[in-house]
N, C-alpha and C. Protein backbone atom coordinates (compact mmCIF):
# COMPACT_ATOMS: atom_id res chain seq x y z
N UNK A 1 0.83 -1.09 0.02
CA UNK A 1 0.01 0.01 0.02
C UNK A 1 0.78 1.28 0.05
N UNK A 2 0.30 2.13 -0.72
CA UNK A 2 1.15 3.50 -0.71
C UNK A 2 1.41 4.00 0.71
N UNK A 3 2.52 4.61 1.02
CA UNK A 3 2.82 5.16 2.41
C UNK A 3 1.75 6.31 2.68
N UNK A 4 1.39 7.09 1.67
CA UNK A 4 0.60 8.34 2.12
C UNK A 4 -0.99 7.69 2.43
N UNK A 5 -1.37 6.75 1.67
CA UNK A 5 -2.67 6.18 2.08
C UNK A 5 -2.70 5.40 3.25
N UNK A 6 -1.69 4.68 3.56
CA UNK A 6 -1.55 4.00 4.81
C UNK A 6 -1.60 5.13 6.13
N UNK A 7 -0.98 6.16 5.82
CA UNK A 7 -1.11 7.26 6.96
C UNK A 7 -2.52 7.66 6.98
N UNK A 8 -3.34 7.95 6.00
CA UNK A 8 -4.65 8.41 5.92
C UNK A 8 -5.55 7.35 6.81
N UNK A 9 -5.16 6.12 6.69
CA UNK A 9 -6.11 5.05 7.49
C UNK A 9 -6.18 5.29 9.02
N UNK A 10 -5.05 6.17 9.46
CA UNK A 10 -5.11 6.34 10.84
C UNK A 10 -5.63 7.90 11.20
N UNK A 11 -5.90 8.53 10.30
CA UNK A 11 -6.45 10.07 10.47
C UNK A 11 -7.99 10.25 10.85
N UNK A 12 -8.23 11.25 11.38
CA UNK A 12 -9.65 11.63 11.63
C UNK A 12 -10.38 12.30 10.34
N UNK A 13 -11.59 12.14 10.38
CA UNK A 13 -12.25 12.73 9.30
C UNK A 13 -11.96 14.18 8.99
N UNK A 14 -11.72 14.95 10.04
CA UNK A 14 -11.47 16.36 9.99
C UNK A 14 -10.01 16.47 9.38
N UNK A 15 -9.08 15.82 9.88
CA UNK A 15 -7.87 15.76 9.01
C UNK A 15 -7.96 15.57 7.51
N UNK A 16 -8.59 14.51 7.24
CA UNK A 16 -8.74 14.00 5.83
C UNK A 16 -9.59 15.08 5.16
N UNK A 17 -10.57 15.84 5.60
CA UNK A 17 -11.15 17.02 5.09
C UNK A 17 -10.15 18.09 4.73
N UNK A 18 -9.36 18.38 5.87
CA UNK A 18 -8.41 19.45 5.50
C UNK A 18 -7.38 19.10 4.25
N UNK A 19 -7.11 17.75 4.33
CA UNK A 19 -6.00 17.40 3.16
C UNK A 19 -6.77 17.65 1.79
N UNK A 20 -7.96 17.06 1.82
CA UNK A 20 -8.83 17.10 0.54
C UNK A 20 -9.09 18.61 0.20
N UNK A 21 -9.46 19.47 1.13
CA UNK A 21 -9.75 20.86 0.69
C UNK A 21 -8.48 21.76 0.34
N UNK A 22 -7.30 21.32 0.69
CA UNK A 22 -6.29 22.02 0.37
C UNK A 22 -5.55 21.54 -0.84
N UNK A 23 -5.97 20.38 -1.41
CA UNK A 23 -5.42 19.91 -2.71
C UNK A 23 -6.24 20.42 -4.01
N UNK A 24 -5.62 20.38 -5.09
CA UNK A 24 -6.17 20.83 -6.27
C UNK A 24 -6.92 19.45 -7.02
N UNK A 25 -7.62 19.78 -8.01
CA UNK A 25 -8.33 18.53 -8.54
C UNK A 25 -7.53 17.64 -9.24
N UNK A 26 -6.39 18.19 -9.89
CA UNK A 26 -5.37 17.37 -10.49
C UNK A 26 -5.74 16.75 -11.80
N UNK A 27 -5.17 15.78 -12.13
CA UNK A 27 -5.49 15.04 -13.37
C UNK A 27 -6.37 14.00 -13.23
N UNK A 28 -7.36 13.85 -13.98
CA UNK A 28 -8.28 12.76 -13.94
C UNK A 28 -7.57 11.43 -14.33
N UNK A 29 -7.70 10.46 -13.55
CA UNK A 29 -6.81 9.09 -13.85
C UNK A 29 -7.46 8.57 -15.23
N UNK A 30 -6.68 7.83 -15.83
CA UNK A 30 -6.94 7.14 -17.05
C UNK A 30 -6.44 5.76 -17.01
N UNK A 31 -7.22 4.78 -16.54
CA UNK A 31 -6.84 3.58 -16.48
C UNK A 31 -7.17 2.86 -15.10
N UNK A 32 -6.41 1.72 -14.72
CA UNK A 32 -6.82 0.90 -13.65
C UNK A 32 -6.13 1.60 -12.30
N UNK A 33 -6.87 1.70 -11.40
CA UNK A 33 -6.45 2.20 -10.03
C UNK A 33 -6.94 1.11 -9.03
N UNK A 34 -5.96 1.33 -7.91
CA UNK A 34 -6.36 0.46 -6.60
C UNK A 34 -7.17 1.22 -5.74
N UNK A 35 -8.00 0.67 -5.22
CA UNK A 35 -9.02 1.45 -4.13
C UNK A 35 -8.59 1.00 -2.79
N UNK A 36 -8.90 2.01 -1.80
CA UNK A 36 -8.82 1.65 -0.36
C UNK A 36 -10.03 2.39 0.38
N UNK A 37 -10.90 1.71 0.96
CA UNK A 37 -11.81 2.32 1.70
C UNK A 37 -11.37 2.81 3.01
N UNK A 38 -11.69 4.02 3.38
CA UNK A 38 -11.27 4.67 4.60
C UNK A 38 -12.42 5.02 5.46
N UNK A 39 -12.38 4.29 6.56
CA UNK A 39 -13.53 4.62 7.78
C UNK A 39 -12.66 5.62 8.87
N UNK A 40 -12.72 6.86 8.39
CA UNK A 40 -11.98 7.81 9.26
C UNK A 40 -12.29 7.69 10.77
N UNK A 41 -11.17 7.76 11.54
CA UNK A 41 -11.46 7.86 13.09
C UNK A 41 -11.66 6.63 13.79
N UNK A 42 -11.72 5.45 12.98
CA UNK A 42 -11.90 4.14 13.43
C UNK A 42 -10.78 3.45 13.79
N UNK A 43 -10.48 2.98 15.00
CA UNK A 43 -9.34 2.13 15.42
C UNK A 43 -9.23 0.78 14.52
N UNK A 44 -10.44 0.59 13.90
CA UNK A 44 -10.32 -0.74 12.96
C UNK A 44 -10.21 -0.41 11.44
N UNK A 45 -9.67 0.83 11.16
CA UNK A 45 -9.86 1.33 9.78
C UNK A 45 -8.97 0.25 8.84
N UNK A 46 -7.73 0.02 9.38
CA UNK A 46 -6.89 -0.74 8.57
C UNK A 46 -7.64 -2.25 8.32
N UNK A 47 -8.10 -2.69 9.44
CA UNK A 47 -8.82 -4.08 9.05
C UNK A 47 -10.11 -4.04 8.26
N UNK A 48 -10.86 -2.95 8.42
CA UNK A 48 -12.01 -2.68 7.45
C UNK A 48 -11.46 -2.47 6.09
N UNK A 49 -10.38 -1.64 5.66
CA UNK A 49 -9.82 -1.61 4.47
C UNK A 49 -9.50 -2.80 3.90
N UNK A 50 -8.87 -3.59 4.53
CA UNK A 50 -8.45 -4.99 4.15
C UNK A 50 -9.49 -5.85 3.77
N UNK A 51 -10.44 -6.03 4.56
CA UNK A 51 -11.49 -6.86 4.31
C UNK A 51 -12.37 -6.26 3.21
N UNK A 52 -12.49 -5.00 3.20
CA UNK A 52 -13.29 -4.33 2.04
C UNK A 52 -12.63 -4.62 0.82
N UNK A 53 -11.33 -4.58 0.52
CA UNK A 53 -10.59 -4.87 -0.68
C UNK A 53 -10.69 -6.22 -1.01
N UNK A 54 -10.55 -7.15 -0.02
CA UNK A 54 -10.73 -8.57 -0.50
C UNK A 54 -12.18 -9.03 -0.86
N UNK A 55 -13.13 -8.49 -0.10
CA UNK A 55 -14.50 -8.87 -0.40
C UNK A 55 -15.51 -8.07 -1.14
N UNK A 56 -15.11 -6.87 -1.35
CA UNK A 56 -16.08 -5.97 -1.87
C UNK A 56 -15.47 -5.01 -2.97
N UNK A 57 -14.64 -4.16 -2.75
CA UNK A 57 -14.23 -3.18 -3.63
C UNK A 57 -12.69 -3.14 -3.81
N UNK A 58 -12.32 -3.23 -5.00
CA UNK A 58 -10.71 -3.13 -5.24
C UNK A 58 -10.24 -1.87 -5.89
N UNK A 59 -11.25 -0.97 -6.54
CA UNK A 59 -10.77 0.12 -7.12
C UNK A 59 -11.70 0.48 -8.37
N UNK A 60 -11.33 1.28 -9.16
CA UNK A 60 -11.99 1.95 -10.43
C UNK A 60 -11.08 1.81 -11.58
N UNK A 61 -11.66 1.56 -12.71
CA UNK A 61 -10.96 1.61 -14.01
C UNK A 61 -11.57 2.80 -14.84
N UNK A 62 -10.78 3.86 -15.04
CA UNK A 62 -11.24 5.06 -15.84
C UNK A 62 -10.96 4.89 -17.39
N UNK A 63 -11.81 5.43 -18.03
CA UNK A 63 -11.57 5.42 -19.48
C UNK A 63 -12.08 6.83 -19.93
N UNK A 64 -10.97 7.72 -20.41
CA UNK A 64 -11.33 9.08 -20.60
C UNK A 64 -11.46 9.22 -22.14
N UNK A 65 -12.25 10.15 -22.65
CA UNK A 65 -12.55 10.34 -24.02
C UNK A 65 -11.55 11.34 -24.56
N UNK A 66 -10.87 11.03 -25.62
CA UNK A 66 -10.02 11.88 -26.38
C UNK A 66 -10.77 12.94 -27.12
N UNK A 67 -10.44 14.03 -27.59
CA UNK A 67 -8.93 14.55 -27.49
C UNK A 67 -8.70 15.25 -26.07
N UNK A 68 -9.58 15.83 -25.54
CA UNK A 68 -9.23 16.74 -24.30
C UNK A 68 -9.13 15.80 -22.93
N UNK A 69 -9.62 14.66 -22.89
CA UNK A 69 -9.47 13.74 -21.60
C UNK A 69 -9.98 14.46 -20.50
N UNK A 70 -11.01 15.27 -20.62
CA UNK A 70 -11.69 16.05 -19.36
C UNK A 70 -12.71 15.40 -18.88
N UNK A 71 -13.25 14.33 -19.50
CA UNK A 71 -14.35 13.68 -19.09
C UNK A 71 -14.23 12.15 -19.57
N UNK A 72 -15.06 11.45 -19.17
CA UNK A 72 -14.99 10.02 -19.54
C UNK A 72 -16.07 9.13 -18.67
N UNK A 73 -15.70 7.76 -18.58
CA UNK A 73 -16.39 7.08 -17.81
C UNK A 73 -15.56 6.12 -16.97
N UNK A 74 -16.21 5.62 -15.76
CA UNK A 74 -15.39 4.59 -15.00
C UNK A 74 -16.34 3.39 -14.94
N UNK A 75 -15.60 2.38 -14.29
CA UNK A 75 -16.34 1.02 -13.94
C UNK A 75 -15.70 0.53 -12.55
N UNK A 76 -16.46 0.42 -11.64
CA UNK A 76 -15.95 -0.07 -10.34
C UNK A 76 -15.48 -1.58 -10.31
N UNK A 77 -14.49 -2.01 -9.72
CA UNK A 77 -13.88 -3.31 -9.69
C UNK A 77 -14.59 -3.81 -8.25
N UNK A 78 -15.32 -4.61 -8.33
CA UNK A 78 -16.05 -5.29 -7.15
C UNK A 78 -15.92 -6.71 -7.05
N UNK A 79 -16.22 -7.38 -6.00
CA UNK A 79 -16.15 -8.79 -5.56
C UNK A 79 -14.70 -9.35 -5.42
N UNK A 80 -14.47 -10.39 -4.85
CA UNK A 80 -13.09 -10.83 -4.72
C UNK A 80 -12.28 -11.17 -6.10
N UNK A 81 -13.15 -11.14 -7.16
CA UNK A 81 -12.72 -11.41 -8.38
C UNK A 81 -12.47 -10.24 -9.40
N UNK A 82 -12.49 -9.08 -8.74
CA UNK A 82 -12.26 -7.70 -9.21
C UNK A 82 -13.19 -7.60 -10.70
N UNK A 83 -14.56 -8.17 -10.49
CA UNK A 83 -15.34 -8.01 -11.78
C UNK A 83 -15.90 -6.48 -11.84
N UNK A 84 -15.97 -5.99 -12.99
CA UNK A 84 -16.22 -4.76 -13.24
C UNK A 84 -17.83 -4.55 -13.30
N UNK A 85 -18.37 -3.63 -12.48
CA UNK A 85 -19.75 -3.24 -12.42
C UNK A 85 -19.79 -1.75 -11.95
N UNK A 86 -21.11 -1.25 -12.17
CA UNK A 86 -21.42 0.03 -11.68
C UNK A 86 -20.73 1.13 -12.44
N UNK A 87 -21.26 1.59 -13.55
CA UNK A 87 -20.62 2.54 -14.43
C UNK A 87 -21.00 3.84 -13.81
N UNK A 88 -20.09 4.85 -14.14
CA UNK A 88 -20.26 6.28 -13.66
C UNK A 88 -19.74 7.31 -14.64
N UNK A 89 -20.09 8.41 -14.90
CA UNK A 89 -19.52 9.45 -15.59
C UNK A 89 -18.50 10.12 -14.79
N UNK A 90 -17.47 10.62 -15.35
CA UNK A 90 -16.34 11.37 -14.90
C UNK A 90 -16.10 12.62 -15.49
N UNK A 91 -15.95 13.67 -14.82
CA UNK A 91 -15.88 15.10 -15.14
C UNK A 91 -15.48 16.09 -14.14
N UNK A 92 -14.93 17.26 -14.68
CA UNK A 92 -14.50 18.30 -13.49
C UNK A 92 -15.61 19.05 -13.30
N UNK A 93 -16.00 19.38 -11.91
CA UNK A 93 -17.09 20.21 -11.38
C UNK A 93 -16.69 20.74 -10.01
N UNK A 94 -17.68 21.59 -9.52
CA UNK A 94 -17.31 22.00 -8.15
C UNK A 94 -17.72 21.03 -7.24
N UNK A 95 -17.00 21.03 -6.14
CA UNK A 95 -17.06 20.15 -4.95
C UNK A 95 -18.25 20.67 -4.18
N UNK A 96 -18.94 19.65 -3.52
CA UNK A 96 -20.07 19.96 -2.76
C UNK A 96 -19.33 20.23 -1.33
N UNK A 97 -18.14 19.92 -0.97
CA UNK A 97 -17.67 20.27 0.31
C UNK A 97 -17.13 21.64 0.32
N UNK A 98 -16.38 22.23 -0.62
CA UNK A 98 -15.94 23.43 -0.61
C UNK A 98 -15.94 24.45 -1.87
N UNK A 99 -16.90 23.91 -2.81
CA UNK A 99 -17.26 24.75 -3.97
C UNK A 99 -15.93 25.04 -4.95
N UNK A 100 -14.82 24.19 -4.75
CA UNK A 100 -13.77 24.46 -5.63
C UNK A 100 -13.72 23.19 -6.69
N UNK A 101 -12.94 23.23 -7.68
CA UNK A 101 -12.96 22.22 -8.63
C UNK A 101 -12.38 20.98 -8.19
N UNK A 102 -13.21 19.77 -8.51
CA UNK A 102 -12.84 18.59 -8.13
C UNK A 102 -13.00 17.57 -9.23
N UNK A 103 -12.64 16.39 -9.16
CA UNK A 103 -13.18 15.24 -10.21
C UNK A 103 -14.31 14.56 -9.55
N UNK A 104 -15.37 14.76 -10.40
CA UNK A 104 -16.68 14.11 -9.84
C UNK A 104 -16.77 12.87 -10.57
N UNK A 105 -17.39 11.91 -9.75
CA UNK A 105 -17.76 10.45 -10.41
C UNK A 105 -19.24 10.41 -10.12
N UNK A 106 -20.08 10.32 -11.07
CA UNK A 106 -21.42 10.72 -10.96
C UNK A 106 -22.16 9.29 -11.48
N UNK A 107 -22.88 8.74 -10.67
CA UNK A 107 -23.66 7.60 -10.96
C UNK A 107 -25.14 7.83 -11.26
N UNK A 108 -25.53 9.22 -11.20
CA UNK A 108 -26.91 9.53 -11.22
C UNK A 108 -27.69 9.10 -12.60
N UNK A 109 -27.10 8.95 -13.60
CA UNK A 109 -27.60 8.75 -14.86
C UNK A 109 -27.21 7.35 -15.45
N UNK A 110 -26.24 6.81 -14.77
CA UNK A 110 -25.53 5.41 -15.30
C UNK A 110 -25.89 4.11 -14.45
N UNK A 111 -26.52 4.46 -13.39
CA UNK A 111 -26.57 3.19 -12.45
C UNK A 111 -27.90 3.33 -11.72
N UNK A 112 -28.70 2.14 -11.82
CA UNK A 112 -29.94 2.19 -11.09
C UNK A 112 -29.70 1.94 -9.49
N UNK A 113 -28.80 1.19 -9.38
CA UNK A 113 -28.19 0.82 -7.94
C UNK A 113 -27.47 1.96 -7.22
N UNK A 114 -26.74 2.67 -7.97
CA UNK A 114 -26.00 3.54 -7.15
C UNK A 114 -26.41 5.11 -7.74
N UNK A 115 -27.51 5.26 -8.21
CA UNK A 115 -27.79 6.73 -8.69
C UNK A 115 -27.85 7.63 -7.58
N UNK A 116 -27.75 7.41 -6.37
CA UNK A 116 -27.91 8.50 -5.39
C UNK A 116 -26.39 8.69 -4.97
N UNK A 117 -25.56 8.10 -5.54
CA UNK A 117 -24.24 8.30 -5.13
C UNK A 117 -23.27 9.07 -6.08
N UNK A 118 -22.55 10.00 -5.41
CA UNK A 118 -21.57 10.92 -6.12
C UNK A 118 -20.06 10.84 -5.25
N UNK A 119 -19.30 10.45 -6.01
CA UNK A 119 -18.01 10.51 -5.54
C UNK A 119 -17.33 11.73 -6.04
N UNK A 120 -16.31 12.17 -5.15
CA UNK A 120 -15.47 13.51 -5.50
C UNK A 120 -13.91 13.05 -5.17
N UNK A 121 -13.08 13.22 -6.14
CA UNK A 121 -11.78 13.00 -5.75
C UNK A 121 -10.65 14.14 -6.31
N UNK A 122 -9.60 14.25 -5.36
CA UNK A 122 -8.61 15.11 -5.64
C UNK A 122 -7.25 14.58 -5.65
N UNK A 123 -6.30 15.05 -6.57
CA UNK A 123 -5.00 14.26 -6.66
C UNK A 123 -4.11 14.99 -5.45
N UNK A 124 -3.91 14.14 -4.43
CA UNK A 124 -3.01 14.92 -3.32
C UNK A 124 -1.57 14.76 -3.69
N UNK A 125 -1.07 13.74 -4.38
CA UNK A 125 0.40 13.54 -4.98
C UNK A 125 0.22 12.88 -6.26
N UNK A 126 1.17 12.93 -7.04
CA UNK A 126 1.07 12.32 -8.41
C UNK A 126 0.62 10.82 -8.22
N UNK A 127 -0.54 10.55 -8.83
CA UNK A 127 -0.95 9.21 -8.93
C UNK A 127 -1.72 8.69 -7.60
N UNK A 128 -1.91 9.71 -6.62
CA UNK A 128 -2.64 9.25 -5.34
C UNK A 128 -3.83 10.26 -5.22
N UNK A 129 -5.03 9.73 -5.05
CA UNK A 129 -6.11 10.53 -4.79
C UNK A 129 -7.01 10.31 -3.58
N UNK A 130 -7.42 11.25 -2.93
CA UNK A 130 -8.39 11.27 -1.89
C UNK A 130 -9.73 11.51 -2.18
N UNK A 131 -10.66 10.65 -1.89
CA UNK A 131 -11.93 10.69 -2.32
C UNK A 131 -13.07 10.73 -1.18
N UNK A 132 -14.05 11.28 -1.46
CA UNK A 132 -15.20 11.60 -0.64
C UNK A 132 -16.43 10.93 -1.24
N UNK A 133 -17.31 10.18 -0.58
CA UNK A 133 -18.40 9.41 -1.20
C UNK A 133 -19.64 10.24 -0.48
N UNK A 134 -20.59 10.67 -1.41
CA UNK A 134 -21.90 11.20 -0.97
C UNK A 134 -22.98 10.44 -1.32
N UNK A 135 -24.06 10.23 -0.48
CA UNK A 135 -25.26 9.51 -0.65
C UNK A 135 -26.31 10.72 -0.56
N UNK A 136 -26.80 11.13 -1.79
CA UNK A 136 -27.52 12.30 -1.71
C UNK A 136 -26.61 13.53 -1.44
N UNK A 137 -27.01 14.18 -0.56
CA UNK A 137 -25.98 15.34 -0.11
C UNK A 137 -25.46 15.08 1.23
N UNK A 138 -25.50 13.87 1.81
CA UNK A 138 -24.75 13.38 3.00
C UNK A 138 -23.67 12.58 2.62
N UNK A 139 -22.51 13.31 3.22
CA UNK A 139 -21.11 12.50 2.93
C UNK A 139 -21.11 11.11 3.90
N UNK A 140 -20.87 10.13 3.32
CA UNK A 140 -20.83 8.79 4.05
C UNK A 140 -19.36 8.11 4.30
N UNK A 141 -18.41 8.39 3.50
CA UNK A 141 -17.23 7.64 3.56
C UNK A 141 -16.08 8.52 2.66
N UNK A 142 -14.94 7.98 3.22
CA UNK A 142 -13.75 8.59 2.65
C UNK A 142 -13.03 7.37 1.68
N UNK A 143 -12.31 7.58 0.65
CA UNK A 143 -11.63 6.50 0.07
C UNK A 143 -10.37 7.03 -0.61
N UNK A 144 -9.38 6.20 -1.01
CA UNK A 144 -8.22 6.58 -1.71
C UNK A 144 -8.13 5.72 -2.96
N UNK A 145 -7.50 6.18 -3.99
CA UNK A 145 -7.23 5.56 -5.29
C UNK A 145 -5.72 5.91 -5.54
N UNK A 146 -5.02 4.71 -6.10
CA UNK A 146 -3.63 4.99 -6.67
C UNK A 146 -3.63 4.06 -7.75
N UNK A 147 -2.62 4.64 -8.69
CA UNK A 147 -2.20 4.02 -9.79
C UNK A 147 -1.25 3.09 -9.34
N UNK A 148 -1.05 1.81 -10.11
CA UNK A 148 -0.21 0.72 -9.51
C UNK A 148 1.30 1.33 -9.49
N UNK A 149 1.65 2.32 -10.24
CA UNK A 149 2.91 2.64 -10.14
C UNK A 149 3.21 3.54 -8.84
N UNK A 150 1.91 4.15 -8.25
CA UNK A 150 2.22 4.93 -7.04
C UNK A 150 1.84 4.11 -5.73
N UNK A 151 1.76 2.94 -5.77
CA UNK A 151 1.49 2.02 -4.57
C UNK A 151 2.61 1.71 -3.97
């Protein structure tokens, strides 16, 4: 696991929010990423992240549209077999957290099961992203994404 993401697993939600709000949107990923669920402030966050990766969610695969690569789609990798399900649109828009640019992962028109979900990510360091998960307008979870080269 990337050392930055490992540190995030031990942080409070408030500290993660500060990191997120001080980061720029960055470059939208293009390709396969590894995901880590973060239950901020929990003493069990490392165990939860490990179990979530094995049993439920391994990350996301981004596919950007040329020539501008400022929007695209993604598919989540889920189940122990990294099957690809749950499609979302990807684009730059304003964050619901601080109204600054962020990379939005929008399921509202692409998934019946996840249509109330909106993810936002920002690139904190090259190839490493901190994300926020929204259910409607309620934030429910943090997560991290990293390219295989940044792990």
